[in-house]
Amino acid sequence: MTLAPETTDLKVQLRLDDSWFTVCDLSTLLPGRGVAALLPDGRQVAVFRDRSGSLYAIDNRDPFTGAAVLSRGLTGTHQGRPFVASPLLKQRFDLAGGRCLDDESVRVTAYEIRTA
């Protein structure tokens, strides 16, 4: 069986300061997987689409190792909250707010995200 990719004209956008920055087409985001995108200032963001269609964006840099790998982490839920687990040391980060679920003193930036 062949699955056709979803086709849509919707763009995924992040709020950066006072404006919206287009990251990618919605159709490029596979549910349960992350993608990395380069921001205009050189930082990287990890963008996720969960199986229900909700979108999330957090910094791609793992604060424990400094590596830009969070977009390649495993996604899941903990107490009803979506998270991504770093592929390196396995710390889990709340996708909605950026808080580390395994070390309350650590967090990554979470971005406001939309489709337009």
C-alpha atoms as a PDB file:
ATOM      1  CA  MET A   1       0.000   0.000   0.000  1.00  0.00           C
ATOM      2  CA  THR A   2       1.261   3.488  -0.831  1.00  0.00           C
ATOM      3  CA  LEU A   3       0.403   6.444   1.344  1.00  0.00           C
ATOM      4  CA  ALA A   4       0.165   9.824  -0.323  1.00  0.00           C
ATOM      5  CA  PRO A   5       1.564  12.736   1.647  1.00  0.00           C
ATOM      6  CA  GLU A   6      -0.940  15.219   2.996  1.00  0.00           C
ATOM      7  CA  THR A   7      -1.236  18.242   0.750  1.00  0.00           C
ATOM      8  CA  THR A   8      -2.025  21.620   2.216  1.00  0.00           C
ATOM      9  CA  ASP A   9      -1.218  25.260   1.641  1.00  0.00           C
ATOM     10  CA  LEU A  10      -0.830  25.865   5.380  1.00  0.00           C
ATOM     11  CA  LYS A  11       2.495  27.194   6.640  1.00  0.00           C
ATOM     12  CA  VAL A  12       3.906  26.604  10.118  1.00  0.00           C
ATOM     13  CA  GLN A  13       4.959  29.884  11.734  1.00  0.00           C
ATOM     14  CA  LEU A  14       6.751  30.852  14.964  1.00  0.00           C
ATOM     15  CA  ARG A  15       6.386  34.118  16.825  1.00  0.00           C
ATOM     16  CA  LEU A  16       9.747  35.872  16.970  1.00  0.00           C
ATOM     17  CA  ASP A  17       9.596  39.196  18.798  1.00  0.00           C
ATOM     18  CA  ASP A  18       6.849  41.202  17.038  1.00  0.00           C
ATOM     19  CA  SER A  19       6.422  39.134  13.874  1.00  0.00           C
ATOM     20  CA  TRP A  20       5.705  35.636  12.603  1.00  0.00           C
ATOM     21  CA  PHE A  21       8.479  33.619  10.916  1.00  0.00           C
ATOM     22  CA  THR A  22       7.521  30.873   8.441  1.00  0.00           C
ATOM     23  CA  VAL A  23       9.341  27.636   9.253  1.00  0.00           C
ATOM     24  CA  CYS A  24       7.924  25.079   6.809  1.00  0.00           C
ATOM     25  CA  ASP A  25       4.814  23.681   5.146  1.00  0.00           C
ATOM     26  CA  LEU A  26       2.507  21.830   7.527  1.00  0.00           C
ATOM     27  CA  SER A  27       2.669  18.797   5.236  1.00  0.00           C
ATOM     28  CA  THR A  28       6.389  18.319   6.007  1.00  0.00           C
ATOM     29  CA  LEU A  29       5.686  17.584   9.682  1.00  0.00           C
ATOM     30  CA  LEU A  30       4.993  13.918  10.358  1.00  0.00           C
ATOM     31  CA  PRO A  31       2.984  13.165  13.507  1.00  0.00           C
ATOM     32  CA  GLY A  32       5.227  11.958  16.315  1.00  0.00           C
ATOM     33  CA  ARG A  33       8.407  13.236  14.650  1.00  0.00           C
ATOM     34  CA  GLY A  34      10.400  16.434  14.988  1.00  0.00           C
ATOM     35  CA  VAL A  35      12.234  18.595  12.479  1.00  0.00           C
ATOM     36  CA  ALA A  36      14.951  21.178  13.044  1.00  0.00           C
ATOM     37  CA  ALA A  37      14.770  24.639  11.503  1.00  0.00           C
ATOM     38  CA  LEU A  38      17.281  27.471  11.393  1.00  0.00           C
ATOM     39  CA  LEU A  39      16.086  30.814  12.728  1.00  0.00           C
ATOM     40  CA  PRO A  40      17.219  34.160  11.260  1.00  0.00           C
ATOM     41  CA  ASP A  41      19.570  34.788  14.222  1.00  0.00           C
ATOM     42  CA  GLY A  42      21.353  31.425  13.759  1.00  0.00           C
ATOM     43  CA  ARG A  43      19.623  29.517  16.559  1.00  0.00           C
ATOM     44  CA  GLN A  44      17.845  26.258  15.849  1.00  0.00           C
ATOM     45  CA  VAL A  45      14.300  25.335  16.793  1.00  0.00           C
ATOM     46  CA  ALA A  46      12.784  21.848  17.054  1.00  0.00           C
ATOM     47  CA  VAL A  47       9.233  21.685  15.650  1.00  0.00           C
ATOM     48  CA  PHE A  48       6.856  18.840  16.456  1.00  0.00           C
ATOM     49  CA  ARG A  49       3.380  17.738  15.381  1.00  0.00           C
ATOM     50  CA  ASP A  50       1.719  15.219  17.658  1.00  0.00           C
ATOM     51  CA  ARG A  51      -0.690  12.514  16.602  1.00  0.00           C
ATOM     52  CA  SER A  52      -3.693  14.742  17.404  1.00  0.00           C
ATOM     53  CA  GLY A  53      -2.333  17.470  15.100  1.00  0.00           C
ATOM     54  CA  SER A  54      -1.135  19.895  17.790  1.00  0.00           C
ATOM     55  CA  LEU A  55       2.057  21.813  17.016  1.00  0.00           C
ATOM     56  CA  TYR A  56       4.953  22.597  19.376  1.00  0.00           C
ATOM     57  CA  ALA A  57       8.283  24.383  19.023  1.00  0.00           C
ATOM     58  CA  ILE A  58      11.205  24.454  21.463  1.00  0.00           C
ATOM     59  CA  ASP A  59      14.930  25.189  21.268  1.00  0.00           C
ATOM     60  CA  ASN A  60      16.727  22.382  19.476  1.00  0.00           C
ATOM     61  CA  ARG A  61      19.801  22.591  21.738  1.00  0.00           C
ATOM     62  CA  ASP A  62      19.948  20.075  24.571  1.00  0.00           C
ATOM     63  CA  PRO A  63      21.015  22.149  27.615  1.00  0.00           C
ATOM     64  CA  PHE A  64      22.697  19.138  29.237  1.00  0.00           C
ATOM     65  CA  THR A  65      25.101  18.418  26.350  1.00  0.00           C
ATOM     66  CA  GLY A  66      24.997  21.538  24.173  1.00  0.00           C
ATOM     67  CA  ALA A  67      24.211  19.421  21.109  1.00  0.00           C
ATOM     68  CA  ALA A  68      21.437  20.450  18.698  1.00  0.00           C
ATOM     69  CA  VAL A  69      19.519  17.166  18.862  1.00  0.00           C
ATOM     70  CA  LEU A  70      16.093  17.628  20.502  1.00  0.00           C
ATOM     71  CA  SER A  71      14.334  17.460  17.117  1.00  0.00           C
ATOM     72  CA  ARG A  72      15.559  13.849  16.882  1.00  0.00           C
ATOM     73  CA  GLY A  73      14.240  12.842  20.299  1.00  0.00           C
ATOM     74  CA  LEU A  74      11.431  10.438  21.114  1.00  0.00           C
ATOM     75  CA  THR A  75       8.036  11.988  21.816  1.00  0.00           C
ATOM     76  CA  GLY A  76       5.512  10.828  24.370  1.00  0.00           C
ATOM     77  CA  THR A  77       3.237  12.018  27.155  1.00  0.00           C
ATOM     78  CA  HIS A  78       3.667  12.194  30.919  1.00  0.00           C
ATOM     79  CA  GLN A  79       0.584  12.891  33.046  1.00  0.00           C
ATOM     80  CA  GLY A  80      -1.181  14.119  29.919  1.00  0.00           C
ATOM     81  CA  ARG A  81       1.615  16.551  28.940  1.00  0.00           C
ATOM     82  CA  PRO A  82       3.491  16.083  25.645  1.00  0.00           C
ATOM     83  CA  PHE A  83       7.279  15.777  25.909  1.00  0.00           C
ATOM     84  CA  VAL A  84      10.366  14.990  23.890  1.00  0.00           C
ATOM     85  CA  ALA A  85      13.202  12.920  25.367  1.00  0.00           C
ATOM     86  CA  SER A  86      16.693  13.948  24.327  1.00  0.00           C
ATOM     87  CA  PRO A  87      18.306  11.219  22.204  1.00  0.00           C
ATOM     88  CA  LEU A  88      21.567  11.631  24.149  1.00  0.00           C
ATOM     89  CA  LEU A  89      20.957  11.541  27.898  1.00  0.00           C
ATOM     90  CA  LYS A  90      17.166  10.968  27.770  1.00  0.00           C
ATOM     91  CA  GLN A  91      16.046  14.003  29.801  1.00  0.00           C
ATOM     92  CA  ARG A  92      12.429  14.822  28.967  1.00  0.00           C
ATOM     93  CA  PHE A  93      11.288  18.336  28.011  1.00  0.00           C
ATOM     94  CA  ASP A  94       7.671  19.512  28.144  1.00  0.00           C
ATOM     95  CA  LEU A  95       6.817  20.533  24.577  1.00  0.00           C
ATOM     96  CA  ALA A  96       4.220  23.093  25.671  1.00  0.00           C
ATOM     97  CA  GLY A  97       6.380  25.019  28.142  1.00  0.00           C
ATOM     98  CA  GLY A  98       9.989  23.861  27.767  1.00  0.00           C
ATOM     99  CA  ARG A  99      10.425  22.698  31.386  1.00  0.00           C
ATOM    100  CA  CYS A 100      12.684  19.689  31.946  1.00  0.00           C
ATOM    101  CA  LEU A 101      10.604  16.964  33.593  1.00  0.00           C
ATOM    102  CA  ASP A 102      13.704  15.353  35.097  1.00  0.00           C
ATOM    103  CA  ASP A 103      15.414  18.470  36.502  1.00  0.00           C
ATOM    104  CA  GLU A 104      13.116  21.332  37.542  1.00  0.00           C
ATOM    105  CA  SER A 105      15.976  23.861  37.391  1.00  0.00           C
ATOM    106  CA  VAL A 106      16.467  23.400  33.623  1.00  0.00           C
ATOM    107  CA  ARG A 107      14.291  24.550  30.747  1.00  0.00           C
ATOM    108  CA  VAL A 108      14.462  25.328  27.040  1.00  0.00           C
ATOM    109  CA  THR A 109      12.655  28.138  25.265  1.00  0.00           C
ATOM    110  CA  ALA A 110       9.178  27.240  24.008  1.00  0.00           C
ATOM    111  CA  TYR A 111       7.849  29.255  21.076  1.00  0.00           C
ATOM    112  CA  GLU A 112       4.335  30.323  20.180  1.00  0.00           C
ATOM    113  CA  ILE A 113       3.420  28.463  17.003  1.00  0.00           C
ATOM    114  CA  ARG A 114       0.552  28.580  14.496  1.00  0.00           C
ATOM    115  CA  THR A 115      -0.516  27.630  10.992  1.00  0.00           C
ATOM    116  CA  ALA A 116      -1.447  30.306   8.491  1.00  0.00           C
END
